[in-house]
N, C-alpha and C. Protein backbone atom coordinates (compact mmCIF):
# COMPACT_ATOMS: atom_id res chain seq x y z
N MET A 1 82.36 6.07 63.37
CA MET A 1 83.59 5.59 63.94
C MET A 1 84.04 4.36 63.13
N ASN A 2 85.34 4.31 62.77
CA ASN A 2 85.79 3.15 61.99
C ASN A 2 85.89 1.91 62.89
N GLU A 3 85.98 0.76 62.29
CA GLU A 3 85.92 -0.52 63.01
C GLU A 3 87.06 -0.68 64.01
N ASP A 4 88.27 -0.26 63.62
CA ASP A 4 89.43 -0.41 64.51
C ASP A 4 89.25 0.44 65.76
N VAL A 5 88.84 1.68 65.60
CA VAL A 5 88.63 2.57 66.74
C VAL A 5 87.50 2.03 67.61
N GLN A 6 86.42 1.55 66.97
CA GLN A 6 85.29 0.99 67.72
C GLN A 6 85.74 -0.23 68.54
N ARG A 7 86.56 -1.08 67.95
CA ARG A 7 87.06 -2.27 68.64
C ARG A 7 87.92 -1.88 69.85
N LYS A 8 88.78 -0.89 69.66
CA LYS A 8 89.64 -0.44 70.76
C LYS A 8 88.81 0.20 71.87
N TYR A 9 87.80 0.95 71.48
CA TYR A 9 86.92 1.59 72.46
C TYR A 9 86.20 0.52 73.29
N GLU A 10 85.68 -0.47 72.62
CA GLU A 10 84.96 -1.53 73.32
C GLU A 10 85.89 -2.32 74.24
N ALA A 11 87.11 -2.55 73.81
CA ALA A 11 88.08 -3.24 74.66
C ALA A 11 88.40 -2.41 75.90
N LEU A 12 88.52 -1.11 75.75
CA LEU A 12 88.78 -0.23 76.88
C LEU A 12 87.62 -0.23 77.86
N VAL A 13 86.41 -0.12 77.37
CA VAL A 13 85.22 -0.13 78.23
C VAL A 13 85.14 -1.47 78.97
N ALA A 14 85.36 -2.55 78.25
CA ALA A 14 85.32 -3.88 78.87
C ALA A 14 86.39 -4.00 79.97
N PHE A 15 87.56 -3.48 79.69
CA PHE A 15 88.64 -3.51 80.69
C PHE A 15 88.26 -2.72 81.93
N LEU A 16 87.74 -1.52 81.76
CA LEU A 16 87.39 -0.68 82.90
C LEU A 16 86.28 -1.29 83.75
N GLN A 17 85.45 -2.12 83.17
CA GLN A 17 84.36 -2.75 83.90
C GLN A 17 84.74 -4.11 84.46
N SER A 18 85.92 -4.59 84.16
CA SER A 18 86.31 -5.95 84.55
C SER A 18 86.97 -5.97 85.93
N PRO A 19 86.92 -7.15 86.58
CA PRO A 19 87.63 -7.31 87.85
C PRO A 19 89.15 -7.19 87.66
N GLU A 20 89.64 -7.52 86.47
CA GLU A 20 91.07 -7.41 86.20
C GLU A 20 91.56 -5.96 86.31
N SER A 21 90.66 -5.02 85.99
CA SER A 21 91.02 -3.61 86.07
C SER A 21 91.44 -3.23 87.49
N LYS A 22 90.65 -3.65 88.47
CA LYS A 22 90.97 -3.33 89.86
C LYS A 22 92.27 -4.02 90.27
N GLN A 23 92.43 -5.27 89.88
CA GLN A 23 93.63 -6.02 90.22
C GLN A 23 94.87 -5.35 89.61
N LEU A 24 94.78 -4.96 88.35
CA LEU A 24 95.91 -4.29 87.69
C LEU A 24 96.20 -2.94 88.34
N ARG A 25 95.17 -2.23 88.78
CA ARG A 25 95.36 -0.95 89.45
C ARG A 25 96.13 -1.14 90.75
N VAL A 26 95.77 -2.16 91.53
CA VAL A 26 96.46 -2.44 92.79
C VAL A 26 97.93 -2.79 92.51
N GLU A 27 98.15 -3.66 91.52
CA GLU A 27 99.52 -4.01 91.16
C GLU A 27 100.30 -2.79 90.67
N SER A 28 99.66 -1.96 89.86
CA SER A 28 100.31 -0.75 89.34
C SER A 28 100.73 0.17 90.46
N GLU A 29 99.85 0.36 91.44
CA GLU A 29 100.17 1.25 92.56
C GLU A 29 101.36 0.73 93.34
N ARG A 30 101.46 -0.58 93.48
CA ARG A 30 102.61 -1.16 94.19
C ARG A 30 103.91 -0.86 93.44
N TYR A 31 103.90 -1.06 92.13
CA TYR A 31 105.11 -0.79 91.33
C TYR A 31 105.43 0.71 91.30
N LEU A 32 104.40 1.54 91.22
CA LEU A 32 104.62 2.99 91.23
C LEU A 32 105.26 3.43 92.55
N SER A 33 104.83 2.83 93.66
CA SER A 33 105.40 3.19 94.96
C SER A 33 106.86 2.77 95.06
N GLU A 34 107.28 1.83 94.22
CA GLU A 34 108.69 1.41 94.17
C GLU A 34 109.50 2.27 93.21
N GLY A 35 108.86 3.28 92.63
CA GLY A 35 109.57 4.19 91.73
C GLY A 35 109.68 3.69 90.31
N LYS A 36 108.83 2.76 89.92
CA LYS A 36 108.89 2.21 88.56
C LYS A 36 107.82 2.87 87.68
N GLN A 37 108.04 2.84 86.38
CA GLN A 37 107.06 3.32 85.42
C GLN A 37 106.14 2.17 85.08
N VAL A 38 104.85 2.46 85.03
CA VAL A 38 103.88 1.41 84.77
C VAL A 38 102.94 1.85 83.66
N SER A 39 102.67 0.93 82.74
CA SER A 39 101.64 1.19 81.73
C SER A 39 100.88 -0.11 81.51
N VAL A 40 99.69 0.02 80.98
CA VAL A 40 98.84 -1.14 80.71
C VAL A 40 98.61 -1.19 79.21
N ARG A 41 98.85 -2.36 78.64
CA ARG A 41 98.58 -2.56 77.21
C ARG A 41 97.30 -3.39 77.12
N ILE A 42 96.33 -2.84 76.42
CA ILE A 42 95.06 -3.53 76.22
C ILE A 42 94.99 -3.93 74.76
N SER A 43 94.75 -5.22 74.55
CA SER A 43 94.63 -5.70 73.18
C SER A 43 93.52 -6.73 73.12
N SER A 44 93.30 -7.26 71.96
CA SER A 44 92.26 -8.26 71.77
C SER A 44 92.92 -9.52 71.23
N ASN A 45 92.55 -10.64 71.82
CA ASN A 45 93.07 -11.92 71.39
C ASN A 45 91.89 -12.84 71.12
N GLU A 46 91.65 -13.12 69.84
CA GLU A 46 90.52 -13.94 69.42
C GLU A 46 89.20 -13.39 69.95
N GLY A 47 89.07 -12.06 69.88
CA GLY A 47 87.84 -11.41 70.29
C GLY A 47 87.71 -11.19 71.79
N LYS A 48 88.66 -11.68 72.56
CA LYS A 48 88.63 -11.48 74.01
C LYS A 48 89.68 -10.44 74.39
N PRO A 49 89.33 -9.54 75.33
CA PRO A 49 90.32 -8.53 75.74
C PRO A 49 91.49 -9.18 76.48
N LYS A 50 92.66 -8.65 76.21
CA LYS A 50 93.88 -9.11 76.86
C LYS A 50 94.53 -7.89 77.51
N TYR A 51 94.95 -8.03 78.77
CA TYR A 51 95.53 -6.94 79.52
C TYR A 51 96.95 -7.32 79.92
N GLU A 52 97.85 -6.41 79.68
CA GLU A 52 99.25 -6.67 80.01
C GLU A 52 99.81 -5.48 80.77
N LEU A 53 100.36 -5.76 81.93
CA LEU A 53 100.99 -4.74 82.75
C LEU A 53 102.46 -4.65 82.35
N ILE A 54 102.92 -3.45 81.99
CA ILE A 54 104.30 -3.26 81.55
C ILE A 54 105.01 -2.42 82.61
N ILE A 55 106.06 -2.99 83.20
CA ILE A 55 106.79 -2.31 84.26
C ILE A 55 108.20 -2.03 83.77
N LYS A 56 108.62 -0.77 83.93
CA LYS A 56 109.97 -0.37 83.56
C LYS A 56 110.61 0.36 84.72
N LYS A 57 111.89 0.19 84.85
CA LYS A 57 112.63 0.97 85.83
C LYS A 57 112.55 2.43 85.41
N ARG A 58 112.19 3.28 86.34
CA ARG A 58 112.10 4.71 86.02
C ARG A 58 113.48 5.21 85.67
N SER A 59 113.55 5.92 84.58
CA SER A 59 114.86 6.43 84.15
C SER A 59 115.31 7.55 85.08
N GLU A 60 116.59 7.61 85.29
CA GLU A 60 117.16 8.66 86.13
C GLU A 60 117.07 9.99 85.39
N PRO A 61 116.93 11.07 86.14
CA PRO A 61 116.87 12.36 85.46
C PRO A 61 118.20 12.71 84.79
N VAL A 62 118.14 13.60 83.85
CA VAL A 62 119.34 14.07 83.18
C VAL A 62 120.16 14.88 84.18
N MET A 63 121.44 14.64 84.18
CA MET A 63 122.34 15.38 85.07
C MET A 63 123.43 16.02 84.22
N LYS A 64 123.80 17.24 84.60
CA LYS A 64 124.92 17.90 83.93
C LYS A 64 126.01 18.17 84.95
N ILE A 65 127.20 17.74 84.58
CA ILE A 65 128.39 17.90 85.43
C ILE A 65 129.38 18.77 84.68
N ALA A 66 129.80 19.86 85.30
CA ALA A 66 130.80 20.75 84.69
C ALA A 66 132.14 20.51 85.35
N ALA A 67 133.20 20.62 84.57
CA ALA A 67 134.56 20.55 85.10
C ALA A 67 135.31 21.76 84.54
N ILE A 68 136.14 22.39 85.37
CA ILE A 68 136.92 23.52 84.87
C ILE A 68 138.15 22.99 84.16
N SER A 69 138.52 23.65 83.06
CA SER A 69 139.64 23.14 82.27
C SER A 69 140.34 24.24 81.50
N GLU A 70 141.60 24.00 81.21
CA GLU A 70 142.37 24.88 80.34
C GLU A 70 142.57 24.26 78.97
N ASP A 71 142.44 22.91 78.90
CA ASP A 71 142.72 22.23 77.64
C ASP A 71 141.58 21.34 77.13
N GLY A 72 140.50 21.24 77.89
CA GLY A 72 139.37 20.42 77.47
C GLY A 72 139.45 18.97 77.88
N ALA A 73 140.58 18.55 78.45
CA ALA A 73 140.75 17.14 78.83
C ALA A 73 141.08 16.96 80.31
N THR A 74 141.77 17.95 80.89
CA THR A 74 142.17 17.83 82.29
C THR A 74 141.49 18.91 83.13
N ILE A 75 141.39 18.61 84.42
CA ILE A 75 140.75 19.53 85.38
C ILE A 75 141.78 20.56 85.81
N SER A 76 141.41 21.81 85.69
CA SER A 76 142.28 22.90 86.10
C SER A 76 142.40 22.93 87.62
N GLN A 77 143.54 23.40 88.08
CA GLN A 77 143.80 23.46 89.51
C GLN A 77 143.23 24.70 90.19
N HIS A 78 142.79 25.68 89.40
CA HIS A 78 142.27 26.91 90.02
C HIS A 78 141.03 27.39 89.27
N PHE A 79 139.93 27.43 89.97
CA PHE A 79 138.64 27.82 89.39
C PHE A 79 138.70 29.17 88.68
N GLY A 80 139.28 30.17 89.33
CA GLY A 80 139.30 31.52 88.77
C GLY A 80 140.13 31.67 87.51
N ARG A 81 141.13 30.83 87.34
CA ARG A 81 142.04 30.98 86.20
C ARG A 81 141.62 30.15 84.98
N ALA A 82 140.77 29.17 85.16
CA ALA A 82 140.38 28.29 84.04
C ALA A 82 139.50 29.04 83.04
N PRO A 83 139.81 28.94 81.75
CA PRO A 83 139.03 29.66 80.74
C PRO A 83 137.80 28.90 80.22
N TYR A 84 137.67 27.61 80.58
CA TYR A 84 136.58 26.80 80.02
C TYR A 84 135.90 25.94 81.07
N TYR A 85 134.65 25.62 80.75
CA TYR A 85 133.94 24.54 81.42
C TYR A 85 133.78 23.43 80.39
N ILE A 86 133.99 22.21 80.81
CA ILE A 86 133.61 21.05 80.00
C ILE A 86 132.35 20.52 80.68
N VAL A 87 131.23 20.55 79.96
CA VAL A 87 129.95 20.14 80.53
C VAL A 87 129.59 18.77 79.97
N VAL A 88 129.43 17.84 80.88
CA VAL A 88 129.12 16.45 80.53
C VAL A 88 127.65 16.20 80.89
N THR A 89 126.89 15.71 79.92
CA THR A 89 125.48 15.38 80.16
C THR A 89 125.37 13.88 80.38
N VAL A 90 124.68 13.52 81.47
CA VAL A 90 124.53 12.12 81.86
C VAL A 90 123.05 11.77 81.89
N GLU A 91 122.69 10.69 81.21
CA GLU A 91 121.32 10.17 81.23
C GLU A 91 121.38 8.70 81.60
N ASP A 92 120.53 8.31 82.53
CA ASP A 92 120.50 6.91 82.97
C ASP A 92 121.88 6.41 83.36
N GLY A 93 122.67 7.28 84.00
CA GLY A 93 123.99 6.89 84.48
C GLY A 93 125.07 6.80 83.42
N LYS A 94 124.75 7.21 82.17
CA LYS A 94 125.72 7.12 81.08
C LYS A 94 125.98 8.50 80.48
N VAL A 95 127.22 8.77 80.13
CA VAL A 95 127.57 10.02 79.47
C VAL A 95 127.01 9.98 78.05
N VAL A 96 126.19 11.00 77.71
CA VAL A 96 125.60 11.04 76.37
C VAL A 96 126.14 12.19 75.53
N SER A 97 126.74 13.20 76.17
CA SER A 97 127.34 14.28 75.40
C SER A 97 128.33 15.05 76.26
N LYS A 98 129.19 15.78 75.55
CA LYS A 98 130.20 16.61 76.21
C LYS A 98 130.34 17.88 75.38
N GLU A 99 130.35 19.03 76.04
CA GLU A 99 130.51 20.30 75.32
C GLU A 99 131.47 21.21 76.07
N LYS A 100 132.11 22.08 75.31
CA LYS A 100 133.06 23.05 75.87
C LYS A 100 132.37 24.41 75.90
N ARG A 101 132.37 25.05 77.07
CA ARG A 101 131.76 26.38 77.22
C ARG A 101 132.80 27.36 77.72
N ASP A 102 132.74 28.58 77.20
CA ASP A 102 133.62 29.63 77.70
C ASP A 102 133.25 29.94 79.15
N LYS A 103 134.26 30.30 79.92
CA LYS A 103 134.06 30.61 81.34
C LYS A 103 134.71 31.94 81.65
N ALA A 104 133.96 32.79 82.32
CA ALA A 104 134.55 34.04 82.81
C ALA A 104 135.55 33.66 83.91
N GLY A 105 136.55 34.50 84.09
CA GLY A 105 137.55 34.21 85.11
C GLY A 105 138.48 35.39 85.29
N HIS A 106 139.65 35.11 85.88
CA HIS A 106 140.62 36.19 86.12
C HIS A 106 140.96 36.93 84.82
N HIS A 107 141.00 36.21 83.70
CA HIS A 107 141.30 36.85 82.42
C HIS A 107 140.19 37.82 82.02
N THR A 108 138.97 37.58 82.45
CA THR A 108 137.84 38.46 82.14
C THR A 108 137.86 39.70 83.02
N PHE A 109 138.25 39.51 84.26
CA PHE A 109 138.20 40.59 85.25
C PHE A 109 139.60 41.13 85.56
N ALA A 110 140.47 41.16 84.56
CA ALA A 110 141.87 41.55 84.77
C ALA A 110 142.02 42.93 85.39
N ALA A 111 141.11 43.83 85.12
CA ALA A 111 141.23 45.19 85.65
C ALA A 111 140.89 45.27 87.14
N SER A 112 140.12 44.30 87.63
CA SER A 112 139.74 44.36 89.05
C SER A 112 140.78 43.63 89.90
N GLN A 113 140.97 44.12 91.08
CA GLN A 113 141.96 43.57 92.00
C GLN A 113 141.26 42.84 93.13
N HIS A 114 141.91 41.79 93.63
CA HIS A 114 141.43 41.18 94.87
C HIS A 114 141.78 42.14 96.00
N PRO A 115 140.83 42.48 96.86
CA PRO A 115 141.19 43.33 98.00
C PRO A 115 142.12 42.57 98.94
N ASP A 116 142.96 43.32 99.64
CA ASP A 116 143.87 42.69 100.59
C ASP A 116 143.08 42.05 101.71
N THR A 117 143.53 40.89 102.14
CA THR A 117 142.90 40.21 103.25
C THR A 117 143.91 40.07 104.37
N ALA A 118 143.43 40.03 105.57
CA ALA A 118 144.30 39.87 106.73
C ALA A 118 144.81 38.43 106.77
N PRO A 119 145.96 38.21 107.39
CA PRO A 119 146.48 36.84 107.50
C PRO A 119 145.42 35.90 108.11
N GLY A 120 145.24 34.76 107.47
CA GLY A 120 144.26 33.78 107.94
C GLY A 120 142.84 34.04 107.47
N GLU A 121 142.60 35.21 106.86
CA GLU A 121 141.26 35.54 106.38
C GLU A 121 141.08 34.95 104.98
N ARG A 122 139.91 34.46 104.72
CA ARG A 122 139.62 33.87 103.41
C ARG A 122 139.24 34.96 102.43
N HIS A 123 139.75 34.86 101.19
CA HIS A 123 139.40 35.86 100.19
C HIS A 123 138.17 35.41 99.39
N GLY A 124 137.58 36.35 98.69
CA GLY A 124 136.46 36.02 97.81
C GLY A 124 135.09 36.28 98.40
N TYR A 125 135.04 36.98 99.52
CA TYR A 125 133.75 37.24 100.15
C TYR A 125 133.26 38.67 99.98
N ASP A 126 134.09 39.55 99.43
CA ASP A 126 133.67 40.93 99.25
C ASP A 126 132.63 41.01 98.12
N ALA A 127 131.92 42.12 98.02
CA ALA A 127 130.84 42.27 97.03
C ALA A 127 131.34 42.11 95.61
N GLY A 128 132.49 42.65 95.30
CA GLY A 128 133.05 42.52 93.95
C GLY A 128 133.33 41.07 93.59
N ALA A 129 133.92 40.34 94.54
CA ALA A 129 134.21 38.92 94.29
C ALA A 129 132.93 38.12 94.11
N GLN A 130 131.94 38.42 94.92
CA GLN A 130 130.67 37.70 94.80
C GLN A 130 130.02 37.95 93.44
N ALA A 131 130.13 39.17 92.94
CA ALA A 131 129.58 39.50 91.62
C ALA A 131 130.36 38.74 90.53
N ARG A 132 131.68 38.66 90.67
CA ARG A 132 132.48 37.91 89.70
C ARG A 132 132.13 36.43 89.72
N HIS A 133 131.96 35.88 90.93
CA HIS A 133 131.61 34.47 91.05
C HIS A 133 130.24 34.19 90.43
N ALA A 134 129.30 35.09 90.62
CA ALA A 134 127.97 34.93 90.02
C ALA A 134 128.07 34.92 88.50
N THR A 135 128.93 35.80 87.96
CA THR A 135 129.14 35.83 86.50
C THR A 135 129.74 34.52 86.02
N MET A 136 130.69 33.98 86.77
CA MET A 136 131.32 32.71 86.40
C MET A 136 130.32 31.57 86.43
N ALA A 137 129.34 31.62 87.32
CA ALA A 137 128.36 30.54 87.47
C ALA A 137 127.27 30.60 86.41
N GLN A 138 127.08 31.74 85.77
CA GLN A 138 125.98 31.88 84.82
C GLN A 138 126.01 30.85 83.70
N SER A 139 127.17 30.57 83.17
CA SER A 139 127.21 29.66 82.02
C SER A 139 127.06 28.19 82.40
N ILE A 140 126.97 27.89 83.71
CA ILE A 140 126.70 26.51 84.13
C ILE A 140 125.48 26.45 85.05
N ASP A 141 124.57 27.39 84.89
CA ASP A 141 123.40 27.39 85.76
C ASP A 141 122.46 26.21 85.50
N ASP A 142 122.70 25.45 84.44
CA ASP A 142 121.92 24.24 84.16
C ASP A 142 122.63 22.99 84.69
N CYS A 143 123.76 23.17 85.36
CA CYS A 143 124.53 22.04 85.88
C CYS A 143 124.23 21.83 87.36
N GLN A 144 124.31 20.58 87.79
CA GLN A 144 124.10 20.26 89.19
C GLN A 144 125.41 20.12 89.96
N VAL A 145 126.50 19.87 89.22
CA VAL A 145 127.80 19.58 89.86
C VAL A 145 128.90 20.33 89.13
N LEU A 146 129.89 20.80 89.89
CA LEU A 146 131.12 21.37 89.32
C LEU A 146 132.29 20.61 89.93
N ILE A 147 133.22 20.19 89.08
CA ILE A 147 134.44 19.53 89.55
C ILE A 147 135.61 20.46 89.26
N ALA A 148 136.42 20.70 90.30
CA ALA A 148 137.57 21.60 90.18
C ALA A 148 138.76 21.00 90.91
N GLY A 149 139.95 21.46 90.53
CA GLY A 149 141.16 21.03 91.22
C GLY A 149 141.46 21.90 92.43
N GLY A 150 140.87 23.08 92.48
CA GLY A 150 141.06 23.99 93.60
C GLY A 150 140.29 25.27 93.35
N MET A 151 140.03 26.01 94.42
CA MET A 151 139.33 27.29 94.32
C MET A 151 139.36 27.97 95.68
N GLY A 152 138.97 29.22 95.69
CA GLY A 152 138.85 29.95 96.94
C GLY A 152 137.53 29.63 97.63
N TRP A 153 137.53 29.88 98.94
CA TRP A 153 136.32 29.62 99.71
C TRP A 153 135.14 30.46 99.23
N GLY A 154 135.40 31.69 98.82
CA GLY A 154 134.32 32.56 98.36
C GLY A 154 133.63 31.99 97.13
N ALA A 155 134.42 31.50 96.17
CA ALA A 155 133.85 30.89 94.96
C ALA A 155 133.07 29.63 95.33
N TYR A 156 133.62 28.83 96.24
CA TYR A 156 132.96 27.60 96.67
C TYR A 156 131.59 27.92 97.27
N GLU A 157 131.56 28.87 98.18
CA GLU A 157 130.30 29.23 98.83
C GLU A 157 129.31 29.85 97.84
N SER A 158 129.82 30.64 96.90
CA SER A 158 128.96 31.25 95.90
C SER A 158 128.30 30.20 95.01
N LEU A 159 129.07 29.22 94.55
CA LEU A 159 128.51 28.15 93.72
C LEU A 159 127.49 27.34 94.51
N LYS A 160 127.79 27.09 95.77
CA LYS A 160 126.87 26.36 96.63
C LYS A 160 125.55 27.12 96.75
N SER A 161 125.62 28.44 96.86
CA SER A 161 124.40 29.25 96.98
C SER A 161 123.59 29.25 95.68
N HIS A 162 124.23 28.91 94.57
CA HIS A 162 123.53 28.79 93.28
C HIS A 162 122.99 27.37 93.06
N GLY A 163 123.11 26.52 94.09
CA GLY A 163 122.60 25.15 94.00
C GLY A 163 123.51 24.20 93.24
N ILE A 164 124.78 24.56 93.10
CA ILE A 164 125.73 23.71 92.38
C ILE A 164 126.63 23.01 93.40
N GLU A 165 126.56 21.68 93.42
CA GLU A 165 127.44 20.90 94.28
C GLU A 165 128.85 21.02 93.72
N THR A 166 129.80 21.39 94.56
CA THR A 166 131.17 21.56 94.09
C THR A 166 132.07 20.52 94.73
N VAL A 167 132.81 19.82 93.87
CA VAL A 167 133.74 18.79 94.34
C VAL A 167 135.14 19.24 93.95
N VAL A 168 136.01 19.32 94.95
CA VAL A 168 137.40 19.72 94.73
C VAL A 168 138.24 18.45 94.85
N THR A 169 138.96 18.13 93.78
CA THR A 169 139.62 16.83 93.72
C THR A 169 141.03 16.93 93.16
N ASP A 170 141.80 15.88 93.38
CA ASP A 170 143.14 15.81 92.79
C ASP A 170 143.16 14.92 91.54
N ILE A 171 142.02 14.39 91.14
CA ILE A 171 141.94 13.63 89.90
C ILE A 171 142.08 14.63 88.75
N GLU A 172 142.96 14.36 87.81
CA GLU A 172 143.22 15.32 86.74
C GLU A 172 142.39 15.10 85.48
N ASP A 173 142.11 13.86 85.13
CA ASP A 173 141.39 13.54 83.90
C ASP A 173 139.88 13.75 84.09
N ILE A 174 139.27 14.57 83.23
CA ILE A 174 137.85 14.88 83.36
C ILE A 174 136.99 13.63 83.25
N ASP A 175 137.25 12.79 82.24
CA ASP A 175 136.44 11.58 82.06
C ASP A 175 136.52 10.67 83.29
N GLU A 176 137.70 10.51 83.83
CA GLU A 176 137.89 9.67 85.02
C GLU A 176 137.16 10.26 86.22
N ALA A 177 137.25 11.58 86.39
CA ALA A 177 136.58 12.24 87.51
C ALA A 177 135.07 12.09 87.42
N VAL A 178 134.52 12.26 86.23
CA VAL A 178 133.06 12.10 86.04
C VAL A 178 132.66 10.66 86.35
N LYS A 179 133.43 9.71 85.86
CA LYS A 179 133.14 8.29 86.12
C LYS A 179 133.14 8.02 87.63
N LEU A 180 134.16 8.50 88.32
CA LEU A 180 134.24 8.30 89.77
C LEU A 180 133.09 9.00 90.50
N TYR A 181 132.72 10.20 90.04
CA TYR A 181 131.61 10.91 90.66
C TYR A 181 130.33 10.08 90.54
N LEU A 182 130.07 9.57 89.35
CA LEU A 182 128.85 8.78 89.12
C LEU A 182 128.84 7.50 89.95
N GLN A 183 130.02 6.98 90.28
CA GLN A 183 130.13 5.78 91.13
C GLN A 183 130.12 6.13 92.62
N GLY A 184 130.10 7.45 92.93
CA GLY A 184 130.15 7.88 94.32
C GLY A 184 131.52 7.73 94.94
N LYS A 185 132.57 7.72 94.10
CA LYS A 185 133.94 7.47 94.58
C LYS A 185 134.90 8.63 94.34
N LEU A 186 134.41 9.78 93.88
CA LEU A 186 135.32 10.91 93.61
C LEU A 186 135.67 11.58 94.92
N PRO A 187 136.98 11.64 95.25
CA PRO A 187 137.36 12.28 96.51
C PRO A 187 137.08 13.78 96.48
N ASN A 188 136.47 14.30 97.55
CA ASN A 188 136.22 15.73 97.69
C ASN A 188 137.20 16.25 98.73
N LEU A 189 138.25 16.91 98.26
CA LEU A 189 139.36 17.34 99.10
C LEU A 189 139.19 18.80 99.52
N MET A 190 138.41 19.01 100.54
CA MET A 190 138.11 20.37 101.00
C MET A 190 139.37 21.13 101.42
N GLU A 191 140.41 20.42 101.76
CA GLU A 191 141.66 21.10 102.15
C GLU A 191 142.30 21.83 100.98
N ARG A 192 141.83 21.57 99.76
CA ARG A 192 142.36 22.27 98.59
C ARG A 192 141.71 23.64 98.40
N LEU A 193 140.73 23.98 99.22
CA LEU A 193 140.12 25.31 99.16
C LEU A 193 141.05 26.28 99.85
N HIS A 194 141.10 27.51 99.34
CA HIS A 194 141.99 28.51 99.96
C HIS A 194 141.24 29.83 100.14
């Protein structure tokens, strides 16, 4: 074993046998219970072991937010008619990337018809509609949130069943809507569902 590795090994053994080890473990458990990341740095200072507890705020998980769009900048008013998703990736509360994805929609399913619904009945619940909604959700199955300007109840319920939180809003700018969502201030206007 080379000298550096031997020195590090001895410092580790000394640390594990020391009273400081138990004290650092107790402190570490307290910080871990608060949701923080904890590590211990063991080094040698003039031949004596030195122990340092390093505490970091646990980073937030990566989140992906999709918005429906016709132009890549504004939120479309109708989920079924929008040809694109703009997918925004958020890490530690900050936008780190944005990508444009094709979206299936009315233009994809032009040959299929919405079945007639009775007055006051919500559309989008028949088997064909549910299959179309599932197809539309496939390209955002890695997203946790969808922002739309409007949609039918069937699409809303279908996305919800896929584990995608859907927010229907009157905010038009995608960047502004994502910012408001992250601040917990994006209005969810359920009355825009039809």
